[in-house]
């Protein structure tokens, strides 16, 4: 790693603590938190890795329909809630904050990965696999709309966080790393940074009331001082989400590298 990238890494390592301090001092809301913790670092890496902007942005935008589905079902089943939103909600529950967070989170993870670890550039943005991914997202959202409109009771799912974590996060990671072990070190290095970032974000969020976990259908709880969050949050978001993002990113990359 060159000197310039070492400086970039130091800045990004310091930044989450700075973000937490600013959040407390200014008492920012959930919308502002997304900008502080994910938007600003994403912008920083955008200036550093301009050639990856289009591909990272495309993958990030494709996360929107899936995040709407997940967030709606999670709210419906009291897995998590965002009590205060500065903008109107979609489908009664889904906040713009969550959608914005999904976009910036995906983008930040991909740009971090490309800047520090992967160093690969694919010119062809619209590969066949990307078209399949777009089709899959549209199909999934269509199924959700059908269930939402005609069979709403089917969206009431016990232990939803656990099931969505296993199906959409854990299993794809395991399959990817077993079939492509060359990615293990890069994935874990990326995950290490984002565990630190998201843990700082989680603690700050619960202290300032950006979100909460009102339900009881969790496999366990993590207690840190005067706050608590589900064990699923630790496993699937703090520890594994960055690797899941990279799993989908690598799988749906251009076929030939």
C-alpha atoms as a PDB file:
ATOM      1  CA  UNK A   1       0.000   0.000   0.000  1.00  0.00           C
ATOM      2  CA  UNK A   2       1.411   3.358  -1.066  1.00  0.00           C
ATOM      3  CA  UNK A   3       1.831   6.386   1.174  1.00  0.00           C
ATOM      4  CA  UNK A   4      -1.249   8.142  -0.202  1.00  0.00           C
ATOM      5  CA  UNK A   5      -3.490   5.155   0.499  1.00  0.00           C
ATOM      6  CA  UNK A   6      -2.036   4.771   3.984  1.00  0.00           C
ATOM      7  CA  UNK A   7      -3.086   8.353   4.663  1.00  0.00           C
ATOM      8  CA  UNK A   8      -6.544   7.600   3.252  1.00  0.00           C
ATOM      9  CA  UNK A   9      -6.845   4.593   5.565  1.00  0.00           C
ATOM     10  CA  UNK A  10      -5.778   6.596   8.614  1.00  0.00           C
ATOM     11  CA  UNK A  11      -8.379   9.252   7.783  1.00  0.00           C
ATOM     12  CA  UNK A  12     -11.113   6.634   7.433  1.00  0.00           C
ATOM     13  CA  UNK A  13     -10.051   4.956  10.685  1.00  0.00           C
ATOM     14  CA  UNK A  14     -10.266   8.213  12.610  1.00  0.00           C
ATOM     15  CA  UNK A  15     -13.448   9.421  10.951  1.00  0.00           C
ATOM     16  CA  UNK A  16     -16.088   7.203  12.693  1.00  0.00           C
ATOM     17  CA  UNK A  17     -15.016   8.528  16.102  1.00  0.00           C
ATOM     18  CA  UNK A  18     -15.225  12.057  14.725  1.00  0.00           C
ATOM     19  CA  UNK A  19     -18.676  11.253  13.316  1.00  0.00           C
ATOM     20  CA  UNK A  20     -19.879   9.977  16.690  1.00  0.00           C
ATOM     21  CA  UNK A  21     -18.616  13.091  18.481  1.00  0.00           C
ATOM     22  CA  UNK A  22     -20.234  15.437  15.946  1.00  0.00           C
ATOM     23  CA  UNK A  23     -23.494  13.487  16.169  1.00  0.00           C
ATOM     24  CA  UNK A  24     -23.627  13.947  19.937  1.00  0.00           C
ATOM     25  CA  UNK A  25     -22.537  17.582  19.896  1.00  0.00           C
ATOM     26  CA  UNK A  26     -25.046  18.603  17.219  1.00  0.00           C
ATOM     27  CA  UNK A  27     -27.701  16.052  18.239  1.00  0.00           C
ATOM     28  CA  UNK A  28     -28.253  15.199  14.590  1.00  0.00           C
ATOM     29  CA  UNK A  29     -31.218  13.106  13.450  1.00  0.00           C
ATOM     30  CA  UNK A  30     -31.306   9.777  11.623  1.00  0.00           C
ATOM     31  CA  UNK A  31     -31.207  11.445   8.209  1.00  0.00           C
ATOM     32  CA  UNK A  32     -28.137  13.454   9.157  1.00  0.00           C
ATOM     33  CA  UNK A  33     -26.479  10.353  10.571  1.00  0.00           C
ATOM     34  CA  UNK A  34     -26.505   8.658   7.175  1.00  0.00           C
ATOM     35  CA  UNK A  35     -24.756  11.655   5.647  1.00  0.00           C
ATOM     36  CA  UNK A  36     -22.198  11.852   8.445  1.00  0.00           C
ATOM     37  CA  UNK A  37     -21.292   8.162   8.740  1.00  0.00           C
ATOM     38  CA  UNK A  38     -21.717   7.014   5.137  1.00  0.00           C
ATOM     39  CA  UNK A  39     -22.271   9.957   2.792  1.00  0.00           C
ATOM     40  CA  UNK A  40     -19.133  11.956   3.569  1.00  0.00           C
ATOM     41  CA  UNK A  41     -16.738   8.961   3.501  1.00  0.00           C
ATOM     42  CA  UNK A  42     -18.368   7.826   0.244  1.00  0.00           C
ATOM     43  CA  UNK A  43     -17.771  11.268  -1.242  1.00  0.00           C
ATOM     44  CA  UNK A  44     -14.151  11.158  -0.095  1.00  0.00           C
ATOM     45  CA  UNK A  45     -13.528   7.835  -1.851  1.00  0.00           C
ATOM     46  CA  UNK A  46     -15.387   9.069  -4.921  1.00  0.00           C
ATOM     47  CA  UNK A  47     -12.652  11.647  -5.472  1.00  0.00           C
ATOM     48  CA  UNK A  48     -10.042   8.924  -4.989  1.00  0.00           C
ATOM     49  CA  UNK A  49     -11.551   6.261  -7.265  1.00  0.00           C
ATOM     50  CA  UNK A  50     -13.405   8.062 -10.034  1.00  0.00           C
ATOM     51  CA  UNK A  51     -13.179   5.151 -12.467  1.00  0.00           C
ATOM     52  CA  UNK A  52     -15.305   2.960 -10.158  1.00  0.00           C
ATOM     53  CA  UNK A  53     -18.113   5.479  -9.600  1.00  0.00           C
ATOM     54  CA  UNK A  54     -20.539   4.173 -12.221  1.00  0.00           C
ATOM     55  CA  UNK A  55     -20.296   0.515 -11.262  1.00  0.00           C
ATOM     56  CA  UNK A  56     -20.457   1.174  -7.524  1.00  0.00           C
ATOM     57  CA  UNK A  57     -23.408   3.516  -8.016  1.00  0.00           C
ATOM     58  CA  UNK A  58     -25.271   0.955 -10.141  1.00  0.00           C
ATOM     59  CA  UNK A  59     -24.886  -1.785  -7.527  1.00  0.00           C
ATOM     60  CA  UNK A  60     -25.912   0.647  -4.813  1.00  0.00           C
ATOM     61  CA  UNK A  61     -29.102   1.681  -6.589  1.00  0.00           C
ATOM     62  CA  UNK A  62     -30.041  -1.950  -7.193  1.00  0.00           C
ATOM     63  CA  UNK A  63     -30.075  -2.383  -3.410  1.00  0.00           C
ATOM     64  CA  UNK A  64     -33.050  -0.010  -3.113  1.00  0.00           C
ATOM     65  CA  UNK A  65     -35.938  -2.384  -4.014  1.00  0.00           C
ATOM     66  CA  UNK A  66     -34.499  -5.160  -1.846  1.00  0.00           C
ATOM     67  CA  UNK A  67     -34.022  -2.782   1.078  1.00  0.00           C
ATOM     68  CA  UNK A  68     -37.604  -1.552   0.762  1.00  0.00           C
ATOM     69  CA  UNK A  69     -38.828  -5.150   1.013  1.00  0.00           C
ATOM     70  CA  UNK A  70     -36.597  -6.009   3.965  1.00  0.00           C
ATOM     71  CA  UNK A  71     -37.304  -2.792   5.861  1.00  0.00           C
ATOM     72  CA  UNK A  72     -41.060  -3.063   5.405  1.00  0.00           C
ATOM     73  CA  UNK A  73     -41.213  -6.649   6.665  1.00  0.00           C
ATOM     74  CA  UNK A  74     -38.830  -5.837   9.524  1.00  0.00           C
ATOM     75  CA  UNK A  75     -41.018  -2.928  10.678  1.00  0.00           C
ATOM     76  CA  UNK A  76     -44.169  -5.008  10.269  1.00  0.00           C
ATOM     77  CA  UNK A  77     -42.720  -7.693  12.541  1.00  0.00           C
ATOM     78  CA  UNK A  78     -41.195  -5.286  15.106  1.00  0.00           C
ATOM     79  CA  UNK A  79     -37.660  -6.360  14.255  1.00  0.00           C
ATOM     80  CA  UNK A  80     -36.510  -2.756  14.168  1.00  0.00           C
ATOM     81  CA  UNK A  81     -38.067   0.684  13.902  1.00  0.00           C
ATOM     82  CA  UNK A  82     -36.975   4.193  13.036  1.00  0.00           C
ATOM     83  CA  UNK A  83     -39.287   6.239  15.293  1.00  0.00           C
ATOM     84  CA  UNK A  84     -38.647   9.644  13.740  1.00  0.00           C
ATOM     85  CA  UNK A  85     -38.268  10.473  10.065  1.00  0.00           C
ATOM     86  CA  UNK A  86     -37.974  13.917   8.497  1.00  0.00           C
ATOM     87  CA  UNK A  87     -39.603  12.713   5.270  1.00  0.00           C
ATOM     88  CA  UNK A  88     -42.797  10.794   4.389  1.00  0.00           C
ATOM     89  CA  UNK A  89     -42.680   7.012   4.687  1.00  0.00           C
ATOM     90  CA  UNK A  90     -43.184   4.533   1.849  1.00  0.00           C
ATOM     91  CA  UNK A  91     -45.633   1.653   2.320  1.00  0.00           C
ATOM     92  CA  UNK A  92     -46.490   3.034   5.781  1.00  0.00           C
ATOM     93  CA  UNK A  93     -43.189   1.987   7.357  1.00  0.00           C
ATOM     94  CA  UNK A  94     -40.191   2.384   5.058  1.00  0.00           C
ATOM     95  CA  UNK A  95     -38.188   5.556   5.642  1.00  0.00           C
ATOM     96  CA  UNK A  96     -36.125   7.518   3.157  1.00  0.00           C
ATOM     97  CA  UNK A  97     -33.324   7.326   5.723  1.00  0.00           C
ATOM     98  CA  UNK A  98     -33.113   3.545   5.336  1.00  0.00           C
ATOM     99  CA  UNK A  99     -33.120   3.746   1.549  1.00  0.00           C
ATOM    100  CA  UNK A 100     -30.408   6.404   1.603  1.00  0.00           C
ATOM    101  CA  UNK A 101     -28.427   4.350   4.107  1.00  0.00           C
ATOM    102  CA  UNK A 102     -28.601   1.262   1.865  1.00  0.00           C
ATOM    103  CA  UNK A 103     -27.360   3.199  -1.159  1.00  0.00           C
ATOM    104  CA  UNK A 104     -24.457   4.833   0.670  1.00  0.00           C
ATOM    105  CA  UNK A 105     -23.564   1.673   2.592  1.00  0.00           C
ATOM    106  CA  UNK A 106     -23.293  -0.415  -0.581  1.00  0.00           C
ATOM    107  CA  UNK A 107     -21.391   2.358  -2.333  1.00  0.00           C
ATOM    108  CA  UNK A 108     -18.972   2.915   0.550  1.00  0.00           C
ATOM    109  CA  UNK A 109     -18.175  -0.794   0.912  1.00  0.00           C
ATOM    110  CA  UNK A 110     -17.515  -1.229  -2.812  1.00  0.00           C
ATOM    111  CA  UNK A 111     -15.380   1.905  -3.101  1.00  0.00           C
ATOM    112  CA  UNK A 112     -13.384   0.957   0.007  1.00  0.00           C
ATOM    113  CA  UNK A 113     -12.814  -2.522  -1.416  1.00  0.00           C
ATOM    114  CA  UNK A 114     -11.718  -1.232  -4.814  1.00  0.00           C
ATOM    115  CA  UNK A 115      -9.521   1.529  -3.403  1.00  0.00           C
ATOM    116  CA  UNK A 116      -7.594  -0.460  -0.831  1.00  0.00           C
ATOM    117  CA  UNK A 117      -7.797  -4.134  -1.775  1.00  0.00           C
ATOM    118  CA  UNK A 118      -9.167  -5.136  -5.163  1.00  0.00           C
ATOM    119  CA  UNK A 119      -7.692  -2.727  -7.735  1.00  0.00           C
ATOM    120  CA  UNK A 120      -9.754  -4.170 -10.573  1.00  0.00           C
ATOM    121  CA  UNK A 121     -11.549  -2.157 -13.229  1.00  0.00           C
ATOM    122  CA  UNK A 122     -14.279  -3.506 -15.516  1.00  0.00           C
ATOM    123  CA  UNK A 123     -15.121  -1.330 -18.501  1.00  0.00           C
ATOM    124  CA  UNK A 124     -18.311  -3.141 -19.466  1.00  0.00           C
ATOM    125  CA  UNK A 125     -20.955  -1.824 -17.080  1.00  0.00           C
ATOM    126  CA  UNK A 126     -23.933  -3.692 -18.579  1.00  0.00           C
ATOM    127  CA  UNK A 127     -22.746  -7.290 -18.521  1.00  0.00           C
ATOM    128  CA  UNK A 128     -25.150 -10.202 -18.871  1.00  0.00           C
ATOM    129  CA  UNK A 129     -24.953 -10.879 -15.142  1.00  0.00           C
ATOM    130  CA  UNK A 130     -25.898  -7.292 -14.358  1.00  0.00           C
ATOM    131  CA  UNK A 131     -28.964  -7.674 -16.551  1.00  0.00           C
ATOM    132  CA  UNK A 132     -29.866 -10.832 -14.627  1.00  0.00           C
ATOM    133  CA  UNK A 133     -29.467  -8.932 -11.353  1.00  0.00           C
ATOM    134  CA  UNK A 134     -31.743  -6.134 -12.536  1.00  0.00           C
ATOM    135  CA  UNK A 135     -34.334  -8.686 -13.619  1.00  0.00           C
ATOM    136  CA  UNK A 136     -34.081 -10.438 -10.252  1.00  0.00           C
ATOM    137  CA  UNK A 137     -34.598  -7.159  -8.372  1.00  0.00           C
ATOM    138  CA  UNK A 138     -37.645  -6.265 -10.474  1.00  0.00           C
ATOM    139  CA  UNK A 139     -39.095  -9.757 -10.043  1.00  0.00           C
ATOM    140  CA  UNK A 140     -38.537  -9.711  -6.267  1.00  0.00           C
ATOM    141  CA  UNK A 141     -40.168  -6.317  -5.911  1.00  0.00           C
ATOM    142  CA  UNK A 142     -43.122  -7.436  -8.032  1.00  0.00           C
ATOM    143  CA  UNK A 143     -43.640 -10.432  -5.750  1.00  0.00           C
ATOM    144  CA  UNK A 144     -43.504  -8.126  -2.736  1.00  0.00           C
ATOM    145  CA  UNK A 145     -46.103  -5.774  -4.240  1.00  0.00           C
ATOM    146  CA  UNK A 146     -48.394  -8.719  -4.934  1.00  0.00           C
ATOM    147  CA  UNK A 147     -48.106 -10.008  -1.374  1.00  0.00           C
ATOM    148  CA  UNK A 148     -48.457  -6.513   0.070  1.00  0.00           C
ATOM    149  CA  UNK A 149     -51.619  -5.842  -1.951  1.00  0.00           C
ATOM    150  CA  UNK A 150     -53.408  -9.185  -1.811  1.00  0.00           C
ATOM    151  CA  UNK A 151     -51.815 -11.383   0.859  1.00  0.00           C
ATOM    152  CA  UNK A 152     -50.496  -9.031   3.572  1.00  0.00           C
ATOM    153  CA  UNK A 153     -50.670 -11.706   6.278  1.00  0.00           C
ATOM    154  CA  UNK A 154     -47.968 -13.658   4.424  1.00  0.00           C
ATOM    155  CA  UNK A 155     -45.478 -10.908   5.298  1.00  0.00           C
ATOM    156  CA  UNK A 156     -45.811 -11.589   9.013  1.00  0.00           C
ATOM    157  CA  UNK A 157     -42.760 -13.766   9.548  1.00  0.00           C
ATOM    158  CA  UNK A 158     -41.505 -14.947  12.920  1.00  0.00           C
ATOM    159  CA  UNK A 159     -37.808 -14.309  13.582  1.00  0.00           C
ATOM    160  CA  UNK A 160     -37.590 -12.416  10.312  1.00  0.00           C
ATOM    161  CA  UNK A 161     -34.163 -10.896  11.048  1.00  0.00           C
ATOM    162  CA  UNK A 162     -32.700 -14.351  11.632  1.00  0.00           C
ATOM    163  CA  UNK A 163     -34.181 -15.815   8.448  1.00  0.00           C
ATOM    164  CA  UNK A 164     -33.287 -12.915   6.171  1.00  0.00           C
ATOM    165  CA  UNK A 165     -29.774 -12.908   7.610  1.00  0.00           C
ATOM    166  CA  UNK A 166     -29.269 -16.600   6.931  1.00  0.00           C
ATOM    167  CA  UNK A 167     -30.791 -16.571   3.436  1.00  0.00           C
ATOM    168  CA  UNK A 168     -29.530 -13.271   2.015  1.00  0.00           C
ATOM    169  CA  UNK A 169     -26.282 -12.846   3.943  1.00  0.00           C
ATOM    170  CA  UNK A 170     -24.774 -15.952   5.548  1.00  0.00           C
ATOM    171  CA  UNK A 171     -25.441 -18.597   2.876  1.00  0.00           C
ATOM    172  CA  UNK A 172     -24.241 -16.466  -0.088  1.00  0.00           C
ATOM    173  CA  UNK A 173     -21.029 -15.582   1.788  1.00  0.00           C
ATOM    174  CA  UNK A 174     -20.293 -19.227   2.579  1.00  0.00           C
ATOM    175  CA  UNK A 175     -20.918 -20.286  -1.027  1.00  0.00           C
ATOM    176  CA  UNK A 176     -18.759 -17.474  -2.400  1.00  0.00           C
ATOM    177  CA  UNK A 177     -15.796 -18.084  -0.102  1.00  0.00           C
ATOM    178  CA  UNK A 178     -15.850 -21.850  -0.573  1.00  0.00           C
ATOM    179  CA  UNK A 179     -15.988 -21.528  -4.350  1.00  0.00           C
ATOM    180  CA  UNK A 180     -13.549 -18.588  -4.537  1.00  0.00           C
ATOM    181  CA  UNK A 181     -11.173 -18.783  -1.542  1.00  0.00           C
ATOM    182  CA  UNK A 182      -8.912 -16.147  -3.111  1.00  0.00           C
ATOM    183  CA  UNK A 183     -11.385 -13.533  -1.846  1.00  0.00           C
ATOM    184  CA  UNK A 184     -11.227 -14.595   1.813  1.00  0.00           C
ATOM    185  CA  UNK A 185      -8.494 -12.221   2.979  1.00  0.00           C
ATOM    186  CA  UNK A 186      -9.871  -9.243   1.040  1.00  0.00           C
ATOM    187  CA  UNK A 187     -13.399  -9.840   2.301  1.00  0.00           C
ATOM    188  CA  UNK A 188     -12.286 -10.182   5.919  1.00  0.00           C
ATOM    189  CA  UNK A 189     -10.097  -7.082   5.764  1.00  0.00           C
ATOM    190  CA  UNK A 190     -13.005  -5.063   4.400  1.00  0.00           C
ATOM    191  CA  UNK A 191     -15.354  -6.562   6.984  1.00  0.00           C
ATOM    192  CA  UNK A 192     -12.947  -5.648   9.796  1.00  0.00           C
ATOM    193  CA  UNK A 193     -13.124  -1.962   8.929  1.00  0.00           C
ATOM    194  CA  UNK A 194     -16.888  -1.943   8.510  1.00  0.00           C
ATOM    195  CA  UNK A 195     -17.386  -3.817  11.776  1.00  0.00           C
ATOM    196  CA  UNK A 196     -15.585  -0.962  13.504  1.00  0.00           C
ATOM    197  CA  UNK A 197     -17.545   1.671  11.570  1.00  0.00           C
ATOM    198  CA  UNK A 198     -20.979   0.110  12.021  1.00  0.00           C
ATOM    199  CA  UNK A 199     -20.418  -0.715  15.695  1.00  0.00           C
ATOM    200  CA  UNK A 200     -19.580   2.942  16.307  1.00  0.00           C
ATOM    201  CA  UNK A 201     -22.668   3.897  14.314  1.00  0.00           C
ATOM    202  CA  UNK A 202     -24.854   1.389  16.175  1.00  0.00           C
ATOM    203  CA  UNK A 203     -23.834   2.625  19.611  1.00  0.00           C
ATOM    204  CA  UNK A 204     -24.313   6.256  18.592  1.00  0.00           C
ATOM    205  CA  UNK A 205     -27.698   5.472  17.018  1.00  0.00           C
ATOM    206  CA  UNK A 206     -29.073   3.747  20.096  1.00  0.00           C
ATOM    207  CA  UNK A 207     -27.778   6.487  22.372  1.00  0.00           C
ATOM    208  CA  UNK A 208     -29.459   9.192  20.270  1.00  0.00           C
ATOM    209  CA  UNK A 209     -32.622   7.239  19.445  1.00  0.00           C
ATOM    210  CA  UNK A 210     -32.186   6.942  15.687  1.00  0.00           C
ATOM    211  CA  UNK A 211     -33.607   3.413  15.756  1.00  0.00           C
ATOM    212  CA  UNK A 212     -34.718   0.747  18.202  1.00  0.00           C
ATOM    213  CA  UNK A 213     -35.584  -2.953  18.421  1.00  0.00           C
ATOM    214  CA  UNK A 214     -39.059  -3.235  19.991  1.00  0.00           C
ATOM    215  CA  UNK A 215     -39.746  -6.906  19.322  1.00  0.00           C
ATOM    216  CA  UNK A 216     -38.900 -10.078  21.206  1.00  0.00           C
ATOM    217  CA  UNK A 217     -38.282 -12.502  18.345  1.00  0.00           C
ATOM    218  CA  UNK A 218     -34.504 -12.517  18.502  1.00  0.00           C
ATOM    219  CA  UNK A 219     -32.082 -15.299  19.359  1.00  0.00           C
ATOM    220  CA  UNK A 220     -30.300 -13.167  21.972  1.00  0.00           C
ATOM    221  CA  UNK A 221     -29.161  -9.703  23.026  1.00  0.00           C
ATOM    222  CA  UNK A 222     -25.865  -7.828  23.196  1.00  0.00           C
ATOM    223  CA  UNK A 223     -25.474  -5.405  26.108  1.00  0.00           C
ATOM    224  CA  UNK A 224     -22.987  -2.519  26.026  1.00  0.00           C
ATOM    225  CA  UNK A 225     -23.269  -0.169  28.986  1.00  0.00           C
ATOM    226  CA  UNK A 226     -26.847   1.144  28.957  1.00  0.00           C
ATOM    227  CA  UNK A 227     -27.777   0.034  25.438  1.00  0.00           C
ATOM    228  CA  UNK A 228     -28.721  -3.295  23.906  1.00  0.00           C
ATOM    229  CA  UNK A 229     -29.264  -4.710  20.442  1.00  0.00           C
ATOM    230  CA  UNK A 230     -30.139  -8.158  19.054  1.00  0.00           C
ATOM    231  CA  UNK A 231     -27.536 -10.825  18.452  1.00  0.00           C
ATOM    232  CA  UNK A 232     -28.767 -10.898  14.843  1.00  0.00           C
ATOM    233  CA  UNK A 233     -27.673  -7.266  14.514  1.00  0.00           C
ATOM    234  CA  UNK A 234     -24.165  -8.168  15.633  1.00  0.00           C
ATOM    235  CA  UNK A 235     -23.855 -11.196  13.368  1.00  0.00           C
ATOM    236  CA  UNK A 236     -25.630 -10.178  10.203  1.00  0.00           C
ATOM    237  CA  UNK A 237     -25.133  -6.414  10.048  1.00  0.00           C
ATOM    238  CA  UNK A 238     -22.047  -5.502  12.033  1.00  0.00           C
ATOM    239  CA  UNK A 239     -19.996  -8.569  11.131  1.00  0.00           C
ATOM    240  CA  UNK A 240     -21.274  -9.910   7.811  1.00  0.00           C
ATOM    241  CA  UNK A 241     -23.068  -7.257   5.749  1.00  0.00           C
ATOM    242  CA  UNK A 242     -19.891  -5.867   4.182  1.00  0.00           C
ATOM    243  CA  UNK A 243     -18.887  -9.371   3.074  1.00  0.00           C
ATOM    244  CA  UNK A 244     -22.396  -9.993   1.742  1.00  0.00           C
ATOM    245  CA  UNK A 245     -22.231  -6.812  -0.324  1.00  0.00           C
ATOM    246  CA  UNK A 246     -18.891  -7.897  -1.781  1.00  0.00           C
ATOM    247  CA  UNK A 247     -20.244 -11.393  -2.415  1.00  0.00           C
ATOM    248  CA  UNK A 248     -23.016 -10.037  -4.623  1.00  0.00           C
ATOM    249  CA  UNK A 249     -20.674  -7.492  -6.165  1.00  0.00           C
ATOM    250  CA  UNK A 250     -18.114 -10.124  -7.178  1.00  0.00           C
ATOM    251  CA  UNK A 251     -20.697 -12.642  -8.350  1.00  0.00           C
ATOM    252  CA  UNK A 252     -22.433 -10.166 -10.615  1.00  0.00           C
ATOM    253  CA  UNK A 253     -19.187  -8.688 -11.929  1.00  0.00           C
ATOM    254  CA  UNK A 254     -18.244  -9.095 -15.576  1.00  0.00           C
ATOM    255  CA  UNK A 255     -17.877 -12.796 -16.440  1.00  0.00           C
ATOM    256  CA  UNK A 256     -14.353 -12.522 -17.754  1.00  0.00           C
ATOM    257  CA  UNK A 257     -11.686 -10.696 -15.815  1.00  0.00           C
END
